[in-house]
Amino acid sequence: MRISDFWRLMDDEFGAGYSRVLSSSLVLAGVGGRTADDALSAGYSPRDVWLALCDVQDVPAERRLGRDIKPSDGGRGAY
């Protein structure tokens, strides 16, 4: 997982504003008692940080991969 994927998942699940509050203030046992921001800075993988955050926030398994977005048909419409 890339850091951009981490932030997309955070924003989708918690909203753009609240995701920044969580990342800077919520201490996560799964990454050594660090906040998400500190864990990412310390070199933890974005995936590990995301999963630790999901555990603490009780994000259901079906939402841990992000929301389903239907692919665009390129403006062609259905035939």
PDB file of N, CA and C in Angstrom:
ATOM      1  N   MET A   1       0.845  -1.180   0.000  1.00  0.00           N
ATOM      2  CA  MET A   1       0.000   0.000   0.000  1.00  0.00           C
ATOM      3  C   MET A   1       0.889   1.241   0.000  1.00  0.00           C
ATOM      4  N   ARG A   2       0.528   2.185  -0.836  1.00  0.00           N
ATOM      5  CA  ARG A   2       1.250   3.460  -0.870  1.00  0.00           C
ATOM      6  C   ARG A   2       0.646   4.418   0.157  1.00  0.00           C
ATOM      7  N   ILE A   3       1.408   5.437   0.498  1.00  0.00           N
ATOM      8  CA  ILE A   3       0.927   6.434   1.453  1.00  0.00           C
ATOM      9  C   ILE A   3      -0.317   7.148   0.908  1.00  0.00           C
ATOM     10  N   SER A   4      -0.388   7.338  -0.399  1.00  0.00           N
ATOM     11  CA  SER A   4      -1.572   7.972  -0.991  1.00  0.00           C
ATOM     12  C   SER A   4      -2.810   7.092  -0.802  1.00  0.00           C
ATOM     13  N   ASP A   5      -2.635   5.772  -0.879  1.00  0.00           N
ATOM     14  CA  ASP A   5      -3.750   4.853  -0.625  1.00  0.00           C
ATOM     15  C   ASP A   5      -4.198   4.940   0.833  1.00  0.00           C
ATOM     16  N   PHE A   6      -3.219   5.043   1.735  1.00  0.00           N
ATOM     17  CA  PHE A   6      -3.531   5.189   3.150  1.00  0.00           C
ATOM     18  C   PHE A   6      -4.428   6.403   3.375  1.00  0.00           C
ATOM     19  N   TRP A   7      -4.046   7.545   2.818  1.00  0.00           N
ATOM     20  CA  TRP A   7      -4.830   8.766   3.028  1.00  0.00           C
ATOM     21  C   TRP A   7      -6.181   8.707   2.336  1.00  0.00           C
ATOM     22  N   ARG A   8      -6.260   8.045   1.201  1.00  0.00           N
ATOM     23  CA  ARG A   8      -7.565   7.876   0.537  1.00  0.00           C
ATOM     24  C   ARG A   8      -8.494   7.049   1.412  1.00  0.00           C
ATOM     25  N   LEU A   9      -7.975   5.945   1.966  1.00  0.00           N
ATOM     26  CA  LEU A   9      -8.783   5.111   2.854  1.00  0.00           C
ATOM     27  C   LEU A   9      -9.203   5.878   4.101  1.00  0.00           C
ATOM     28  N   MET A  10      -8.268   6.627   4.669  1.00  0.00           N
ATOM     29  CA  MET A  10      -8.579   7.423   5.864  1.00  0.00           C
ATOM     30  C   MET A  10      -9.693   8.431   5.566  1.00  0.00           C
ATOM     31  N   ASP A  11      -9.546   9.167   4.470  1.00  0.00           N
ATOM     32  CA  ASP A  11     -10.536  10.190   4.121  1.00  0.00           C
ATOM     33  C   ASP A  11     -11.888   9.570   3.794  1.00  0.00           C
ATOM     34  N   ASP A  12     -11.886   8.439   3.098  1.00  0.00           N
ATOM     35  CA  ASP A  12     -13.141   7.767   2.759  1.00  0.00           C
ATOM     36  C   ASP A  12     -13.856   7.273   4.009  1.00  0.00           C
ATOM     37  N   GLU A  13     -13.111   6.743   4.942  1.00  0.00           N
ATOM     38  CA  GLU A  13     -13.719   6.145   6.144  1.00  0.00           C
ATOM     39  C   GLU A  13     -14.100   7.189   7.187  1.00  0.00           C
ATOM     40  N   PHE A  14     -13.255   8.180   7.400  1.00  0.00           N
ATOM     41  CA  PHE A  14     -13.444   9.093   8.522  1.00  0.00           C
ATOM     42  C   PHE A  14     -13.720  10.546   8.118  1.00  0.00           C
ATOM     43  N   GLY A  15     -13.576  10.866   6.850  1.00  0.00           N
ATOM     44  CA  GLY A  15     -13.721  12.249   6.402  1.00  0.00           C
ATOM     45  C   GLY A  15     -12.367  12.938   6.421  1.00  0.00           C
ATOM     46  N   ALA A  16     -12.196  13.902   5.544  1.00  0.00           N
ATOM     47  CA  ALA A  16     -10.894  14.553   5.366  1.00  0.00           C
ATOM     48  C   ALA A  16     -10.407  15.249   6.638  1.00  0.00           C
ATOM     49  N   GLY A  17     -11.288  15.926   7.331  1.00  0.00           N
ATOM     50  CA  GLY A  17     -10.867  16.643   8.540  1.00  0.00           C
ATOM     51  C   GLY A  17     -10.586  15.719   9.704  1.00  0.00           C
ATOM     52  N   TYR A  18     -11.512  14.806   9.990  1.00  0.00           N
ATOM     53  CA  TYR A  18     -11.363  13.925  11.143  1.00  0.00           C
ATOM     54  C   TYR A  18     -10.211  12.937  10.958  1.00  0.00           C
ATOM     55  N   SER A  19      -9.937  12.535   9.721  1.00  0.00           N
ATOM     56  CA  SER A  19      -8.840  11.595   9.496  1.00  0.00           C
ATOM     57  C   SER A  19      -7.510  12.194   9.946  1.00  0.00           C
ATOM     58  N   ARG A  20      -7.349  13.512   9.777  1.00  0.00           N
ATOM     59  CA  ARG A  20      -6.107  14.179  10.211  1.00  0.00           C
ATOM     60  C   ARG A  20      -6.029  14.258  11.733  1.00  0.00           C
ATOM     61  N   VAL A  21      -7.181  14.448  12.378  1.00  0.00           N
ATOM     62  CA  VAL A  21      -7.219  14.457  13.844  1.00  0.00           C
ATOM     63  C   VAL A  21      -6.841  13.075  14.377  1.00  0.00           C
ATOM     64  N   LEU A  22      -7.438  12.032  13.798  1.00  0.00           N
ATOM     65  CA  LEU A  22      -7.120  10.668  14.238  1.00  0.00           C
ATOM     66  C   LEU A  22      -5.649  10.345  14.038  1.00  0.00           C
ATOM     67  N   SER A  23      -5.123  10.688  12.891  1.00  0.00           N
ATOM     68  CA  SER A  23      -3.744  10.318  12.575  1.00  0.00           C
ATOM     69  C   SER A  23      -2.735  11.000  13.490  1.00  0.00           C
ATOM     70  N   SER A  24      -3.099  12.152  14.010  1.00  0.00           N
ATOM     71  CA  SER A  24      -2.154  12.891  14.848  1.00  0.00           C
ATOM     72  C   SER A  24      -2.370  12.713  16.340  1.00  0.00           C
ATOM     73  N   SER A  25      -3.508  12.139  16.743  1.00  0.00           N
ATOM     74  CA  SER A  25      -3.782  12.077  18.174  1.00  0.00           C
ATOM     75  C   SER A  25      -4.106  10.698  18.734  1.00  0.00           C
ATOM     76  N   LEU A  26      -4.604   9.777  17.914  1.00  0.00           N
ATOM     77  CA  LEU A  26      -4.997   8.463  18.405  1.00  0.00           C
ATOM     78  C   LEU A  26      -3.775   7.553  18.511  1.00  0.00           C
ATOM     79  N   VAL A  27      -3.509   7.052  19.711  1.00  0.00           N
ATOM     80  CA  VAL A  27      -2.369   6.163  19.943  1.00  0.00           C
ATOM     81  C   VAL A  27      -2.782   4.735  19.595  1.00  0.00           C
ATOM     82  N   LEU A  28      -1.955   4.081  18.797  1.00  0.00           N
ATOM     83  CA  LEU A  28      -2.254   2.750  18.263  1.00  0.00           C
ATOM     84  C   LEU A  28      -1.291   1.716  18.844  1.00  0.00           C
ATOM     85  N   ALA A  29      -1.819   0.779  19.611  1.00  0.00           N
ATOM     86  CA  ALA A  29      -0.986  -0.269  20.197  1.00  0.00           C
ATOM     87  C   ALA A  29      -0.330  -1.126  19.112  1.00  0.00           C
ATOM     88  N   GLY A  30      -1.024  -1.316  18.001  1.00  0.00           N
ATOM     89  CA  GLY A  30      -0.525  -2.180  16.935  1.00  0.00           C
ATOM     90  C   GLY A  30       0.724  -1.685  16.234  1.00  0.00           C
ATOM     91  N   VAL A  31       1.097  -0.444  16.484  1.00  0.00           N
ATOM     92  CA  VAL A  31       2.319   0.105  15.892  1.00  0.00           C
ATOM     93  C   VAL A  31       3.212   0.693  16.986  1.00  0.00           C
ATOM     94  N   GLY A  32       3.277  -0.015  18.082  1.00  0.00           N
ATOM     95  CA  GLY A  32       4.208   0.348  19.148  1.00  0.00           C
ATOM     96  C   GLY A  32       3.794   1.531  20.001  1.00  0.00           C
ATOM     97  N   GLY A  33       2.485   1.755  20.141  1.00  0.00           N
ATOM     98  CA  GLY A  33       2.018   2.851  20.974  1.00  0.00           C
ATOM     99  C   GLY A  33       2.291   4.223  20.383  1.00  0.00           C
ATOM    100  N   ARG A  34       2.257   4.290  19.069  1.00  0.00           N
ATOM    101  CA  ARG A  34       2.483   5.552  18.350  1.00  0.00           C
ATOM    102  C   ARG A  34       1.184   6.022  17.719  1.00  0.00           C
ATOM    103  N   THR A  35       1.147   7.291  17.366  1.00  0.00           N
ATOM    104  CA  THR A  35       0.050   7.773  16.521  1.00  0.00           C
ATOM    105  C   THR A  35       0.341   7.300  15.093  1.00  0.00           C
ATOM    106  N   ALA A  36      -0.654   7.390  14.242  1.00  0.00           N
ATOM    107  CA  ALA A  36      -0.453   7.009  12.838  1.00  0.00           C
ATOM    108  C   ALA A  36       0.636   7.867  12.203  1.00  0.00           C
ATOM    109  N   ASP A  37       0.607   9.170  12.472  1.00  0.00           N
ATOM    110  CA  ASP A  37       1.631  10.063  11.910  1.00  0.00           C
ATOM    111  C   ASP A  37       3.026   9.649  12.366  1.00  0.00           C
ATOM    112  N   ASP A  38       3.164   9.370  13.669  1.00  0.00           N
ATOM    113  CA  ASP A  38       4.469   8.973  14.207  1.00  0.00           C
ATOM    114  C   ASP A  38       4.916   7.625  13.650  1.00  0.00           C
ATOM    115  N   ALA A  39       3.973   6.696  13.520  1.00  0.00           N
ATOM    116  CA  ALA A  39       4.308   5.372  12.996  1.00  0.00           C
ATOM    117  C   ALA A  39       4.779   5.461  11.545  1.00  0.00           C
ATOM    118  N   LEU A  40       4.100   6.258  10.741  1.00  0.00           N
ATOM    119  CA  LEU A  40       4.520   6.423   9.347  1.00  0.00           C
ATOM    120  C   LEU A  40       5.899   7.071   9.276  1.00  0.00           C
ATOM    121  N   SER A  41       6.126   8.055  10.127  1.00  0.00           N
ATOM    122  CA  SER A  41       7.443   8.718  10.163  1.00  0.00           C
ATOM    123  C   SER A  41       8.539   7.775  10.634  1.00  0.00           C
ATOM    124  N   ALA A  42       8.172   6.823  11.490  1.00  0.00           N
ATOM    125  CA  ALA A  42       9.143   5.865  12.024  1.00  0.00           C
ATOM    126  C   ALA A  42       9.418   4.715  11.057  1.00  0.00           C
ATOM    127  N   GLY A  43       8.702   4.682   9.927  1.00  0.00           N
ATOM    128  CA  GLY A  43       8.975   3.666   8.922  1.00  0.00           C
ATOM    129  C   GLY A  43       8.011   2.496   8.884  1.00  0.00           C
ATOM    130  N   TYR A  44       6.961   2.521   9.705  1.00  0.00           N
ATOM    131  CA  TYR A  44       5.948   1.464   9.601  1.00  0.00           C
ATOM    132  C   TYR A  44       5.269   1.570   8.246  1.00  0.00           C
ATOM    133  N   SER A  45       4.855   0.432   7.709  1.00  0.00           N
ATOM    134  CA  SER A  45       4.191   0.452   6.405  1.00  0.00           C
ATOM    135  C   SER A  45       2.806   1.079   6.548  1.00  0.00           C
ATOM    136  N   PRO A  46       2.374   1.817   5.525  1.00  0.00           N
ATOM    137  CA  PRO A  46       1.028   2.390   5.567  1.00  0.00           C
ATOM    138  C   PRO A  46      -0.049   1.334   5.808  1.00  0.00           C
ATOM    139  N   ARG A  47       0.145   0.141   5.265  1.00  0.00           N
ATOM    140  CA  ARG A  47      -0.827  -0.944   5.460  1.00  0.00           C
ATOM    141  C   ARG A  47      -0.926  -1.329   6.931  1.00  0.00           C
ATOM    142  N   ASP A  48       0.214  -1.496   7.601  1.00  0.00           N
ATOM    143  CA  ASP A  48       0.204  -1.858   9.015  1.00  0.00           C
ATOM    144  C   ASP A  48      -0.449  -0.771   9.863  1.00  0.00           C
ATOM    145  N   VAL A  49      -0.173   0.466   9.523  1.00  0.00           N
ATOM    146  CA  VAL A  49      -0.768   1.588  10.259  1.00  0.00           C
ATOM    147  C   VAL A  49      -2.278   1.614  10.030  1.00  0.00           C
ATOM    148  N   TRP A  50      -2.697   1.433   8.780  1.00  0.00           N
ATOM    149  CA  TRP A  50      -4.124   1.420   8.464  1.00  0.00           C
ATOM    150  C   TRP A  50      -4.840   0.306   9.230  1.00  0.00           C
ATOM    151  N   LEU A  51      -4.272  -0.889   9.223  1.00  0.00           N
ATOM    152  CA  LEU A  51      -4.918  -2.001   9.914  1.00  0.00           C
ATOM    153  C   LEU A  51      -4.960  -1.789  11.421  1.00  0.00           C
ATOM    154  N   ALA A  52      -3.912  -1.209  11.993  1.00  0.00           N
ATOM    155  CA  ALA A  52      -3.913  -0.894  13.421  1.00  0.00           C
ATOM    156  C   ALA A  52      -5.010   0.123  13.740  1.00  0.00           C
ATOM    157  N   LEU A  53      -5.170   1.092  12.880  1.00  0.00           N
ATOM    158  CA  LEU A  53      -6.205   2.098  13.073  1.00  0.00           C
ATOM    159  C   LEU A  53      -7.593   1.482  12.938  1.00  0.00           C
ATOM    160  N   CYS A  54      -7.751   0.597  11.967  1.00  0.00           N
ATOM    161  CA  CYS A  54      -9.032  -0.093  11.786  1.00  0.00           C
ATOM    162  C   CYS A  54      -9.398  -0.901  13.024  1.00  0.00           C
ATOM    163  N   ASP A  55      -8.416  -1.567  13.619  1.00  0.00           N
ATOM    164  CA  ASP A  55      -8.665  -2.359  14.821  1.00  0.00           C
ATOM    165  C   ASP A  55      -9.175  -1.484  15.961  1.00  0.00           C
ATOM    166  N   VAL A  56      -8.518  -0.373  16.188  1.00  0.00           N
ATOM    167  CA  VAL A  56      -8.882   0.515  17.293  1.00  0.00           C
ATOM    168  C   VAL A  56     -10.245   1.170  17.050  1.00  0.00           C
ATOM    169  N   GLN A  57     -10.527   1.513  15.808  1.00  0.00           N
ATOM    170  CA  GLN A  57     -11.764   2.220  15.475  1.00  0.00           C
ATOM    171  C   GLN A  57     -12.913   1.274  15.099  1.00  0.00           C
ATOM    172  N   ASP A  58     -12.683  -0.029  15.195  1.00  0.00           N
ATOM    173  CA  ASP A  58     -13.706  -1.032  14.869  1.00  0.00           C
ATOM    174  C   ASP A  58     -14.271  -0.880  13.460  1.00  0.00           C
ATOM    175  N   VAL A  59     -13.374  -0.633  12.500  1.00  0.00           N
ATOM    176  CA  VAL A  59     -13.799  -0.582  11.097  1.00  0.00           C
ATOM    177  C   VAL A  59     -14.094  -2.015  10.664  1.00  0.00           C
ATOM    178  N   PRO A  60     -15.316  -2.278  10.161  1.00  0.00           N
ATOM    179  CA  PRO A  60     -15.666  -3.631   9.749  1.00  0.00           C
ATOM    180  C   PRO A  60     -14.763  -4.149   8.630  1.00  0.00           C
ATOM    181  N   ALA A  61     -14.559  -5.438   8.609  1.00  0.00           N
ATOM    182  CA  ALA A  61     -13.672  -6.066   7.616  1.00  0.00           C
ATOM    183  C   ALA A  61     -14.073  -5.695   6.191  1.00  0.00           C
ATOM    184  N   GLU A  62     -15.367  -5.581   5.929  1.00  0.00           N
ATOM    185  CA  GLU A  62     -15.812  -5.292   4.559  1.00  0.00           C
ATOM    186  C   GLU A  62     -15.477  -3.872   4.108  1.00  0.00           C
ATOM    187  N   ARG A  63     -15.078  -2.996   5.036  1.00  0.00           N
ATOM    188  CA  ARG A  63     -14.704  -1.638   4.651  1.00  0.00           C
ATOM    189  C   ARG A  63     -13.207  -1.384   4.744  1.00  0.00           C
ATOM    190  N   ARG A  64     -12.439  -2.361   5.115  1.00  0.00           N
ATOM    191  CA  ARG A  64     -11.004  -2.146   5.290  1.00  0.00           C
ATOM    192  C   ARG A  64     -10.247  -2.014   3.976  1.00  0.00           C
ATOM    193  N   LEU A  65     -10.843  -2.429   2.890  1.00  0.00           N
ATOM    194  CA  LEU A  65     -10.214  -2.266   1.584  1.00  0.00           C
ATOM    195  C   LEU A  65     -10.695  -1.009   0.879  1.00  0.00           C
ATOM    196  N   GLY A  66     -11.553  -0.255   1.522  1.00  0.00           N
ATOM    197  CA  GLY A  66     -12.092   0.960   0.925  1.00  0.00           C
ATOM    198  C   GLY A  66     -13.450   0.714   0.316  1.00  0.00           C
ATOM    199  N   ARG A  67     -14.062   1.796  -0.102  1.00  0.00           N
ATOM    200  CA  ARG A  67     -15.392   1.673  -0.675  1.00  0.00           C
ATOM    201  C   ARG A  67     -15.283   1.276  -2.141  1.00  0.00           C
ATOM    202  N   ASP A  68     -16.298   0.602  -2.621  1.00  0.00           N
ATOM    203  CA  ASP A  68     -16.350   0.204  -4.028  1.00  0.00           C
ATOM    204  C   ASP A  68     -16.730   1.405  -4.873  1.00  0.00           C
ATOM    205  N   ILE A  69     -15.925   1.660  -5.868  1.00  0.00           N
ATOM    206  CA  ILE A  69     -16.206   2.733  -6.816  1.00  0.00           C
ATOM    207  C   ILE A  69     -16.362   2.098  -8.182  1.00  0.00           C
ATOM    208  N   LYS A  70     -17.520   2.302  -8.792  1.00  0.00           N
ATOM    209  CA  LYS A  70     -17.765   1.702 -10.095  1.00  0.00           C
ATOM    210  C   LYS A  70     -16.881   2.379 -11.133  1.00  0.00           C
ATOM    211  N   PRO A  71     -16.275   1.594 -12.022  1.00  0.00           N
ATOM    212  CA  PRO A  71     -15.438   2.197 -13.056  1.00  0.00           C
ATOM    213  C   PRO A  71     -16.272   3.031 -14.020  1.00  0.00           C
ATOM    214  N   SER A  72     -15.659   4.056 -14.516  1.00  0.00           N
ATOM    215  CA  SER A  72     -16.312   4.921 -15.488  1.00  0.00           C
ATOM    216  C   SER A  72     -16.431   4.192 -16.818  1.00  0.00           C
ATOM    217  N   ASP A  73     -17.500   4.480 -17.548  1.00  0.00           N
ATOM    218  CA  ASP A  73     -17.641   3.868 -18.883  1.00  0.00           C
ATOM    219  C   ASP A  73     -17.038   4.785 -19.961  1.00  0.00           C
ATOM    220  N   GLY A  74     -16.294   5.788 -19.525  1.00  0.00           N
ATOM    221  CA  GLY A  74     -15.648   6.689 -20.464  1.00  0.00           C
ATOM    222  C   GLY A  74     -16.611   7.638 -21.158  1.00  0.00           C
ATOM    223  N   GLY A  75     -17.796   7.818 -20.592  1.00  0.00           N
ATOM    224  CA  GLY A  75     -18.770   8.731 -21.171  1.00  0.00           C
ATOM    225  C   GLY A  75     -19.535   8.142 -22.339  1.00  0.00           C
ATOM    226  N   ARG A  76     -19.381   6.849 -22.580  1.00  0.00           N
ATOM    227  CA  ARG A  76     -20.038   6.207 -23.722  1.00  0.00           C
ATOM    228  C   ARG A  76     -21.475   5.814 -23.420  1.00  0.00           C
ATOM    229  N   GLY A  77     -21.796   5.661 -22.145  1.00  0.00           N
ATOM    230  CA  GLY A  77     -23.148   5.203 -21.792  1.00  0.00           C
ATOM    231  C   GLY A  77     -23.270   3.708 -21.986  1.00  0.00           C
ATOM    232  N   ALA A  78     -24.314   3.148 -21.480  1.00  0.00           N
ATOM    233  CA  ALA A  78     -24.531   1.692 -21.609  1.00  0.00           C
ATOM    234  C   ALA A  78     -25.138   1.379 -22.965  1.00  0.00           C
ATOM    235  N   TYR A  79     -24.657   0.327 -23.566  1.00  0.00           N
ATOM    236  CA  TYR A  79     -25.195  -0.105 -24.862  1.00  0.00           C
ATOM    237  C   TYR A  79     -25.901  -1.402 -24.728  1.00  0.00           C
TER     238      TYR A  79
END
